[in-house]
Amino acid sequence: MSQKAIEIDPKFAIAYHNIGLVYQKTGDLDRAATMIRKSLGIDPALHIAYYTLGGVYFEGGRYKEAIDTFYKFLKIFPWFPEVHHLVAIAYGAQKQFDKAIEEFEWELRINPYHTLAHLNLGQIYWYEFQNKEKAIKHLKAALALDPFLPNRAGIQNLVRQLERIL
């Protein structure tokens, strides 16, 4: 359908974006990025394309490009917690833990109930900075928010060990 739309109107940006989404879903990330960049070349105000392109880069492990692209989206929609979460994960993958913390904290200002943000912060604070107090705070928050948290017993055990160290 989108291919037909492009044949009728080669400047129909959303059609290129949608074809990019199909390529992304099929795992062809290079073609997905090409099509989404083409949509942005036609219409730089197609904001959802920045989100999608950032996701394509993220999925492909191209974290620097993902971060740069997600920030273009966040300039327009700064209160989008999922994007802050992805940026934080991308920073963490690059061992830029201070920046990852900033993004997780931003995410929690928008949505204080996001379990994974608390869990990731707890792990970063302990394993990267040995900050027991902040680690305990965020790990306990994650445990309180999700009674079915995977590896719940391991996280509870870590909290108990950290509390003993205090």
N, C-alpha and C. Protein backbone atom coordinates (compact mmCIF):
# COMPACT_ATOMS: atom_id res chain seq x y z
N MET A 1 0.82 -1.19 0.00
CA MET A 1 0.00 0.00 0.00
C MET A 1 0.87 1.26 0.00
N SER A 2 1.89 1.29 0.89
CA SER A 2 2.77 2.46 0.94
C SER A 2 3.58 2.60 -0.34
N GLN A 3 4.00 1.46 -0.92
CA GLN A 3 4.76 1.51 -2.17
C GLN A 3 3.91 2.13 -3.27
N LYS A 4 2.64 1.78 -3.31
CA LYS A 4 1.72 2.34 -4.30
C LYS A 4 1.56 3.85 -4.05
N ALA A 5 1.49 4.25 -2.80
CA ALA A 5 1.37 5.67 -2.46
C ALA A 5 2.58 6.44 -2.96
N ILE A 6 3.77 5.84 -2.85
CA ILE A 6 5.00 6.50 -3.32
C ILE A 6 4.99 6.63 -4.84
N GLU A 7 4.46 5.61 -5.54
CA GLU A 7 4.36 5.69 -7.00
C GLU A 7 3.46 6.84 -7.41
N ILE A 8 2.38 7.04 -6.67
CA ILE A 8 1.45 8.13 -6.97
C ILE A 8 2.04 9.48 -6.57
N ASP A 9 2.68 9.52 -5.39
CA ASP A 9 3.27 10.77 -4.88
C ASP A 9 4.64 10.48 -4.27
N PRO A 10 5.71 10.64 -5.04
CA PRO A 10 7.06 10.33 -4.54
C PRO A 10 7.50 11.21 -3.37
N LYS A 11 6.76 12.24 -3.03
CA LYS A 11 7.09 13.11 -1.90
C LYS A 11 6.22 12.81 -0.67
N PHE A 12 5.58 11.67 -0.66
CA PHE A 12 4.70 11.27 0.45
C PHE A 12 5.56 10.66 1.56
N ALA A 13 6.02 11.51 2.46
CA ALA A 13 7.02 11.13 3.47
C ALA A 13 6.57 9.99 4.36
N ILE A 14 5.33 10.02 4.81
CA ILE A 14 4.88 8.98 5.75
C ILE A 14 4.91 7.60 5.10
N ALA A 15 4.76 7.54 3.77
CA ALA A 15 4.82 6.24 3.10
C ALA A 15 6.23 5.65 3.21
N TYR A 16 7.25 6.48 3.04
CA TYR A 16 8.62 5.99 3.21
C TYR A 16 8.85 5.53 4.65
N HIS A 17 8.32 6.30 5.58
CA HIS A 17 8.43 5.93 7.00
C HIS A 17 7.80 4.57 7.24
N ASN A 18 6.60 4.36 6.70
CA ASN A 18 5.89 3.11 6.92
C ASN A 18 6.61 1.92 6.29
N ILE A 19 7.20 2.12 5.13
CA ILE A 19 7.99 1.06 4.51
C ILE A 19 9.20 0.76 5.40
N GLY A 20 9.80 1.80 5.96
CA GLY A 20 10.90 1.62 6.90
C GLY A 20 10.48 0.78 8.09
N LEU A 21 9.28 1.02 8.59
CA LEU A 21 8.77 0.21 9.71
C LEU A 21 8.67 -1.27 9.34
N VAL A 22 8.22 -1.53 8.11
CA VAL A 22 8.11 -2.92 7.65
C VAL A 22 9.50 -3.56 7.60
N TYR A 23 10.46 -2.83 7.04
CA TYR A 23 11.83 -3.36 7.02
C TYR A 23 12.35 -3.61 8.43
N GLN A 24 12.04 -2.70 9.35
CA GLN A 24 12.47 -2.90 10.73
C GLN A 24 11.86 -4.17 11.31
N LYS A 25 10.58 -4.37 11.09
CA LYS A 25 9.90 -5.55 11.63
C LYS A 25 10.46 -6.84 11.05
N THR A 26 10.98 -6.77 9.83
CA THR A 26 11.54 -7.98 9.21
C THR A 26 13.03 -8.13 9.51
N GLY A 27 13.59 -7.18 10.26
CA GLY A 27 14.99 -7.27 10.66
C GLY A 27 15.99 -6.67 9.70
N ASP A 28 15.51 -6.04 8.64
CA ASP A 28 16.40 -5.40 7.67
C ASP A 28 16.63 -3.95 8.11
N LEU A 29 17.50 -3.77 9.08
CA LEU A 29 17.67 -2.46 9.72
C LEU A 29 18.34 -1.44 8.80
N ASP A 30 19.23 -1.87 7.93
CA ASP A 30 19.86 -0.92 7.00
C ASP A 30 18.83 -0.32 6.04
N ARG A 31 18.00 -1.18 5.48
CA ARG A 31 16.95 -0.67 4.57
C ARG A 31 15.94 0.18 5.34
N ALA A 32 15.64 -0.24 6.56
CA ALA A 32 14.70 0.53 7.39
C ALA A 32 15.25 1.94 7.60
N ALA A 33 16.52 2.03 7.99
CA ALA A 33 17.13 3.35 8.23
C ALA A 33 17.13 4.18 6.96
N THR A 34 17.43 3.56 5.84
CA THR A 34 17.45 4.29 4.56
C THR A 34 16.08 4.88 4.26
N MET A 35 15.04 4.10 4.40
CA MET A 35 13.69 4.58 4.09
C MET A 35 13.25 5.67 5.07
N ILE A 36 13.56 5.49 6.33
CA ILE A 36 13.13 6.50 7.32
C ILE A 36 13.91 7.80 7.13
N ARG A 37 15.21 7.69 6.84
CA ARG A 37 15.98 8.91 6.54
C ARG A 37 15.41 9.61 5.31
N LYS A 38 14.96 8.83 4.32
CA LYS A 38 14.36 9.42 3.13
C LYS A 38 13.08 10.17 3.50
N SER A 39 12.29 9.61 4.40
CA SER A 39 11.07 10.29 4.83
C SER A 39 11.41 11.62 5.51
N LEU A 40 12.48 11.63 6.30
CA LEU A 40 12.89 12.87 6.97
C LEU A 40 13.49 13.87 5.98
N GLY A 41 14.11 13.37 4.92
CA GLY A 41 14.62 14.26 3.87
C GLY A 41 13.49 14.99 3.16
N ILE A 42 12.37 14.31 3.04
CA ILE A 42 11.20 14.92 2.40
C ILE A 42 10.48 15.85 3.37
N ASP A 43 10.34 15.39 4.61
CA ASP A 43 9.60 16.17 5.62
C ASP A 43 10.31 16.10 6.97
N PRO A 44 11.22 17.05 7.22
CA PRO A 44 11.94 17.05 8.51
C PRO A 44 11.03 17.26 9.72
N ALA A 45 9.79 17.68 9.49
CA ALA A 45 8.84 17.87 10.59
C ALA A 45 8.06 16.60 10.89
N LEU A 46 8.39 15.50 10.25
CA LEU A 46 7.74 14.22 10.53
C LEU A 46 8.37 13.64 11.79
N HIS A 47 7.92 14.14 12.92
CA HIS A 47 8.58 13.88 14.20
C HIS A 47 8.64 12.40 14.57
N ILE A 48 7.60 11.66 14.26
CA ILE A 48 7.59 10.24 14.61
C ILE A 48 8.75 9.50 13.94
N ALA A 49 9.21 10.02 12.81
CA ALA A 49 10.31 9.36 12.09
C ALA A 49 11.61 9.43 12.91
N TYR A 50 11.81 10.48 13.69
CA TYR A 50 13.00 10.55 14.55
C TYR A 50 12.93 9.45 15.62
N TYR A 51 11.75 9.26 16.17
CA TYR A 51 11.57 8.20 17.16
C TYR A 51 11.85 6.83 16.53
N THR A 52 11.26 6.60 15.36
CA THR A 52 11.43 5.32 14.69
C THR A 52 12.88 5.09 14.28
N LEU A 53 13.50 6.10 13.72
CA LEU A 53 14.90 5.96 13.28
C LEU A 53 15.82 5.72 14.48
N GLY A 54 15.57 6.41 15.57
CA GLY A 54 16.33 6.15 16.80
C GLY A 54 16.18 4.71 17.24
N GLY A 55 14.96 4.19 17.14
CA GLY A 55 14.72 2.80 17.49
C GLY A 55 15.44 1.81 16.58
N VAL A 56 15.51 2.14 15.31
CA VAL A 56 16.24 1.29 14.35
C VAL A 56 17.72 1.27 14.71
N TYR A 57 18.28 2.45 14.96
CA TYR A 57 19.69 2.51 15.34
C TYR A 57 19.94 1.77 16.65
N PHE A 58 19.05 1.96 17.62
CA PHE A 58 19.18 1.30 18.92
C PHE A 58 19.16 -0.22 18.74
N GLU A 59 18.18 -0.69 17.98
CA GLU A 59 18.04 -2.13 17.75
C GLU A 59 19.28 -2.72 17.08
N GLY A 60 19.92 -1.91 16.24
CA GLY A 60 21.12 -2.36 15.54
C GLY A 60 22.41 -2.15 16.32
N GLY A 61 22.29 -1.67 17.56
CA GLY A 61 23.48 -1.46 18.38
C GLY A 61 24.27 -0.22 18.00
N ARG A 62 23.66 0.65 17.24
CA ARG A 62 24.32 1.90 16.83
C ARG A 62 23.90 2.98 17.83
N TYR A 63 24.45 2.87 19.03
CA TYR A 63 23.95 3.66 20.16
C TYR A 63 24.20 5.16 20.03
N LYS A 64 25.35 5.56 19.52
CA LYS A 64 25.62 7.00 19.36
C LYS A 64 24.60 7.62 18.42
N GLU A 65 24.35 6.95 17.29
CA GLU A 65 23.36 7.46 16.34
C GLU A 65 21.96 7.44 16.94
N ALA A 66 21.67 6.40 17.71
CA ALA A 66 20.36 6.33 18.36
C ALA A 66 20.17 7.51 19.31
N ILE A 67 21.17 7.78 20.13
CA ILE A 67 21.09 8.88 21.08
C ILE A 67 20.89 10.21 20.34
N ASP A 68 21.71 10.45 19.34
CA ASP A 68 21.60 11.71 18.58
C ASP A 68 20.21 11.86 17.97
N THR A 69 19.68 10.78 17.43
CA THR A 69 18.37 10.83 16.78
C THR A 69 17.26 10.98 17.81
N PHE A 70 17.35 10.24 18.91
CA PHE A 70 16.33 10.37 19.95
C PHE A 70 16.31 11.79 20.52
N TYR A 71 17.46 12.43 20.64
CA TYR A 71 17.47 13.81 21.15
C TYR A 71 16.74 14.77 20.21
N LYS A 72 16.77 14.51 18.92
CA LYS A 72 15.98 15.33 17.99
C LYS A 72 14.50 15.20 18.29
N PHE A 73 14.08 13.98 18.62
CA PHE A 73 12.68 13.75 19.01
C PHE A 73 12.38 14.42 20.34
N LEU A 74 13.30 14.29 21.30
CA LEU A 74 13.07 14.84 22.64
C LEU A 74 13.05 16.37 22.65
N LYS A 75 13.69 17.01 21.68
CA LYS A 75 13.59 18.47 21.60
C LYS A 75 12.15 18.90 21.37
N ILE A 76 11.39 18.06 20.70
CA ILE A 76 10.00 18.38 20.38
C ILE A 76 9.06 17.82 21.45
N PHE A 77 9.35 16.60 21.91
CA PHE A 77 8.51 15.91 22.89
C PHE A 77 9.35 15.50 24.10
N PRO A 78 9.74 16.46 24.96
CA PRO A 78 10.64 16.11 26.08
C PRO A 78 9.98 15.24 27.15
N TRP A 79 8.67 15.15 27.16
CA TRP A 79 7.98 14.41 28.21
C TRP A 79 7.58 13.02 27.75
N PHE A 80 8.40 12.40 26.96
CA PHE A 80 8.14 11.06 26.43
C PHE A 80 9.06 10.08 27.16
N PRO A 81 8.58 9.44 28.24
CA PRO A 81 9.47 8.67 29.11
C PRO A 81 10.17 7.50 28.42
N GLU A 82 9.50 6.85 27.47
CA GLU A 82 10.11 5.69 26.82
C GLU A 82 11.39 6.07 26.08
N VAL A 83 11.42 7.27 25.52
CA VAL A 83 12.60 7.69 24.78
C VAL A 83 13.75 7.98 25.76
N HIS A 84 13.44 8.61 26.88
CA HIS A 84 14.48 8.82 27.90
C HIS A 84 15.04 7.47 28.36
N HIS A 85 14.18 6.48 28.48
CA HIS A 85 14.62 5.15 28.90
C HIS A 85 15.58 4.56 27.86
N LEU A 86 15.23 4.64 26.60
CA LEU A 86 16.10 4.10 25.55
C LEU A 86 17.43 4.84 25.48
N VAL A 87 17.39 6.16 25.65
CA VAL A 87 18.63 6.94 25.65
C VAL A 87 19.50 6.50 26.84
N ALA A 88 18.88 6.30 27.99
CA ALA A 88 19.64 5.86 29.17
C ALA A 88 20.29 4.50 28.93
N ILE A 89 19.56 3.58 28.35
CA ILE A 89 20.11 2.25 28.05
C ILE A 89 21.26 2.38 27.06
N ALA A 90 21.09 3.23 26.05
CA ALA A 90 22.16 3.43 25.06
C ALA A 90 23.41 4.01 25.71
N TYR A 91 23.23 4.98 26.60
CA TYR A 91 24.39 5.52 27.32
C TYR A 91 25.06 4.43 28.16
N GLY A 92 24.25 3.62 28.82
CA GLY A 92 24.80 2.54 29.62
C GLY A 92 25.59 1.55 28.78
N ALA A 93 25.09 1.26 27.59
CA ALA A 93 25.80 0.35 26.69
C ALA A 93 27.16 0.91 26.27
N GLN A 94 27.28 2.24 26.31
CA GLN A 94 28.53 2.90 25.98
C GLN A 94 29.37 3.20 27.22
N LYS A 95 28.95 2.67 28.36
CA LYS A 95 29.65 2.88 29.64
C LYS A 95 29.67 4.34 30.07
N GLN A 96 28.70 5.11 29.63
CA GLN A 96 28.56 6.51 30.04
C GLN A 96 27.48 6.56 31.13
N PHE A 97 27.84 6.07 32.30
CA PHE A 97 26.86 5.84 33.35
C PHE A 97 26.32 7.13 33.96
N ASP A 98 27.11 8.19 34.01
CA ASP A 98 26.59 9.47 34.52
C ASP A 98 25.44 9.96 33.65
N LYS A 99 25.62 9.85 32.34
CA LYS A 99 24.57 10.28 31.42
C LYS A 99 23.37 9.34 31.49
N ALA A 100 23.63 8.05 31.67
CA ALA A 100 22.52 7.10 31.81
C ALA A 100 21.69 7.45 33.04
N ILE A 101 22.35 7.78 34.15
CA ILE A 101 21.64 8.17 35.36
C ILE A 101 20.77 9.40 35.10
N GLU A 102 21.33 10.40 34.43
CA GLU A 102 20.55 11.61 34.13
C GLU A 102 19.27 11.27 33.37
N GLU A 103 19.39 10.39 32.39
CA GLU A 103 18.22 10.05 31.58
C GLU A 103 17.21 9.21 32.36
N PHE A 104 17.68 8.26 33.18
CA PHE A 104 16.75 7.50 34.01
C PHE A 104 16.04 8.42 35.01
N GLU A 105 16.78 9.39 35.56
CA GLU A 105 16.16 10.34 36.50
C GLU A 105 15.11 11.19 35.78
N TRP A 106 15.42 11.60 34.57
CA TRP A 106 14.44 12.35 33.76
C TRP A 106 13.19 11.50 33.57
N GLU A 107 13.40 10.25 33.21
CA GLU A 107 12.28 9.35 32.99
C GLU A 107 11.42 9.23 34.24
N LEU A 108 12.07 9.12 35.39
CA LEU A 108 11.31 8.97 36.64
C LEU A 108 10.60 10.25 37.06
N ARG A 109 11.10 11.40 36.63
CA ARG A 109 10.35 12.64 36.88
C ARG A 109 9.04 12.63 36.09
N ILE A 110 9.06 12.03 34.92
CA ILE A 110 7.87 11.95 34.08
C ILE A 110 6.96 10.82 34.56
N ASN A 111 7.56 9.67 34.85
CA ASN A 111 6.81 8.49 35.27
C ASN A 111 7.53 7.82 36.44
N PRO A 112 7.19 8.22 37.66
CA PRO A 112 7.89 7.67 38.83
C PRO A 112 7.59 6.20 39.09
N TYR A 113 6.69 5.62 38.32
CA TYR A 113 6.28 4.24 38.54
C TYR A 113 6.90 3.25 37.55
N HIS A 114 7.94 3.66 36.85
CA HIS A 114 8.55 2.76 35.88
C HIS A 114 9.57 1.86 36.57
N THR A 115 9.18 0.63 36.73
CA THR A 115 9.98 -0.35 37.48
C THR A 115 11.39 -0.49 36.93
N LEU A 116 11.50 -0.63 35.60
CA LEU A 116 12.82 -0.88 35.01
C LEU A 116 13.78 0.30 35.19
N ALA A 117 13.25 1.51 35.21
CA ALA A 117 14.12 2.67 35.46
C ALA A 117 14.70 2.58 36.86
N HIS A 118 13.85 2.24 37.84
CA HIS A 118 14.34 2.08 39.21
C HIS A 118 15.35 0.94 39.30
N LEU A 119 15.04 -0.18 38.66
CA LEU A 119 15.93 -1.33 38.70
C LEU A 119 17.29 -0.99 38.07
N ASN A 120 17.26 -0.36 36.91
CA ASN A 120 18.52 0.02 36.26
C ASN A 120 19.31 1.01 37.09
N LEU A 121 18.64 1.99 37.66
CA LEU A 121 19.34 2.95 38.52
C LEU A 121 19.95 2.25 39.73
N GLY A 122 19.21 1.36 40.35
CA GLY A 122 19.75 0.64 41.49
C GLY A 122 21.01 -0.13 41.12
N GLN A 123 20.98 -0.78 39.99
CA GLN A 123 22.16 -1.54 39.55
C GLN A 123 23.33 -0.64 39.20
N ILE A 124 23.06 0.46 38.52
CA ILE A 124 24.15 1.39 38.17
C ILE A 124 24.75 1.99 39.44
N TYR A 125 23.86 2.44 40.35
CA TYR A 125 24.38 3.06 41.57
C TYR A 125 25.25 2.08 42.36
N TRP A 126 24.89 0.80 42.38
CA TRP A 126 25.71 -0.12 43.14
C TRP A 126 26.92 -0.60 42.35
N TYR A 127 26.68 -1.16 41.18
CA TYR A 127 27.77 -1.83 40.46
C TYR A 127 28.78 -0.86 39.84
N GLU A 128 28.36 0.34 39.53
CA GLU A 128 29.28 1.30 38.89
C GLU A 128 29.81 2.35 39.86
N PHE A 129 29.03 2.70 40.89
CA PHE A 129 29.44 3.79 41.79
C PHE A 129 29.50 3.38 43.26
N GLN A 130 29.14 2.16 43.58
CA GLN A 130 29.13 1.66 44.94
C GLN A 130 28.38 2.60 45.90
N ASN A 131 27.31 3.19 45.41
CA ASN A 131 26.47 4.07 46.23
C ASN A 131 25.33 3.22 46.80
N LYS A 132 25.55 2.71 48.01
CA LYS A 132 24.60 1.77 48.62
C LYS A 132 23.23 2.41 48.86
N GLU A 133 23.22 3.63 49.38
CA GLU A 133 21.96 4.26 49.74
C GLU A 133 21.05 4.43 48.53
N LYS A 134 21.61 4.98 47.45
CA LYS A 134 20.79 5.17 46.25
C LYS A 134 20.43 3.84 45.60
N ALA A 135 21.35 2.89 45.65
CA ALA A 135 21.05 1.57 45.09
C ALA A 135 19.88 0.93 45.82
N ILE A 136 19.94 0.96 47.14
CA ILE A 136 18.86 0.38 47.95
C ILE A 136 17.54 1.08 47.66
N LYS A 137 17.56 2.39 47.63
CA LYS A 137 16.34 3.16 47.38
C LYS A 137 15.67 2.72 46.08
N HIS A 138 16.44 2.63 45.01
CA HIS A 138 15.85 2.31 43.71
C HIS A 138 15.51 0.83 43.58
N LEU A 139 16.32 -0.04 44.15
CA LEU A 139 15.99 -1.47 44.09
C LEU A 139 14.73 -1.77 44.89
N LYS A 140 14.58 -1.12 46.05
CA LYS A 140 13.35 -1.31 46.84
C LYS A 140 12.14 -0.76 46.10
N ALA A 141 12.31 0.36 45.42
CA ALA A 141 11.21 0.92 44.64
C ALA A 141 10.79 -0.05 43.54
N ALA A 142 11.76 -0.64 42.84
CA ALA A 142 11.44 -1.61 41.78
C ALA A 142 10.68 -2.80 42.36
N LEU A 143 11.14 -3.30 43.49
CA LEU A 143 10.48 -4.43 44.13
C LEU A 143 9.05 -4.08 44.56
N ALA A 144 8.85 -2.88 45.06
CA ALA A 144 7.53 -2.46 45.51
C ALA A 144 6.57 -2.27 44.34
N LEU A 145 7.10 -1.83 43.22
CA LEU A 145 6.25 -1.54 42.06
C LEU A 145 5.81 -2.79 41.30
N ASP A 146 6.62 -3.84 41.34
CA ASP A 146 6.31 -5.01 40.52
C ASP A 146 6.49 -6.29 41.34
N PRO A 147 5.38 -6.86 41.82
CA PRO A 147 5.48 -8.09 42.61
C PRO A 147 5.93 -9.31 41.79
N PHE A 148 5.93 -9.18 40.47
CA PHE A 148 6.33 -10.30 39.60
C PHE A 148 7.64 -10.01 38.87
N LEU A 149 8.42 -9.13 39.44
CA LEU A 149 9.69 -8.75 38.84
C LEU A 149 10.58 -9.97 38.62
N PRO A 150 11.08 -10.16 37.39
CA PRO A 150 11.98 -11.29 37.16
C PRO A 150 13.20 -11.18 38.09
N ASN A 151 13.67 -12.31 38.55
CA ASN A 151 14.81 -12.39 39.47
C ASN A 151 14.55 -11.62 40.77
N ARG A 152 13.29 -11.61 41.17
CA ARG A 152 12.89 -10.90 42.40
C ARG A 152 13.71 -11.37 43.60
N ALA A 153 13.90 -12.67 43.72
CA ALA A 153 14.64 -13.20 44.87
C ALA A 153 16.09 -12.71 44.85
N GLY A 154 16.70 -12.65 43.69
CA GLY A 154 18.08 -12.16 43.58
C GLY A 154 18.19 -10.69 43.95
N ILE A 155 17.20 -9.90 43.54
CA ILE A 155 17.20 -8.47 43.86
C ILE A 155 16.98 -8.27 45.36
N GLN A 156 16.05 -9.04 45.94
CA GLN A 156 15.83 -8.96 47.39
C GLN A 156 17.10 -9.34 48.16
N ASN A 157 17.77 -10.35 47.68
CA ASN A 157 19.01 -10.77 48.31
C ASN A 157 20.07 -9.67 48.24
N LEU A 158 20.19 -9.03 47.10
CA LEU A 158 21.14 -7.91 46.95
C LEU A 158 20.81 -6.80 47.92
N VAL A 159 19.53 -6.45 48.04
CA VAL A 159 19.12 -5.38 48.97
C VAL A 159 19.51 -5.77 50.40
N ARG A 160 19.24 -7.01 50.78
CA ARG A 160 19.61 -7.45 52.14
C ARG A 160 21.12 -7.35 52.36
N GLN A 161 21.91 -7.76 51.37
CA GLN A 161 23.36 -7.67 51.49
C GLN A 161 23.81 -6.22 51.62
N LEU A 162 23.24 -5.34 50.84
CA LEU A 162 23.61 -3.92 50.90
C LEU A 162 23.22 -3.32 52.24
N GLU A 163 22.06 -3.68 52.76
CA GLU A 163 21.62 -3.17 54.06
C GLU A 163 22.56 -3.63 55.17
N ARG A 164 23.11 -4.84 55.05
CA ARG A 164 24.06 -5.32 56.04
C ARG A 164 25.37 -4.53 55.99
N ILE A 165 25.74 -4.08 54.81
CA ILE A 165 26.98 -3.32 54.63
C ILE A 165 26.85 -1.94 55.24
N LEU A 166 25.63 -1.39 55.20
CA LEU A 166 25.41 -0.06 55.76
C LEU A 166 25.74 -0.09 57.23
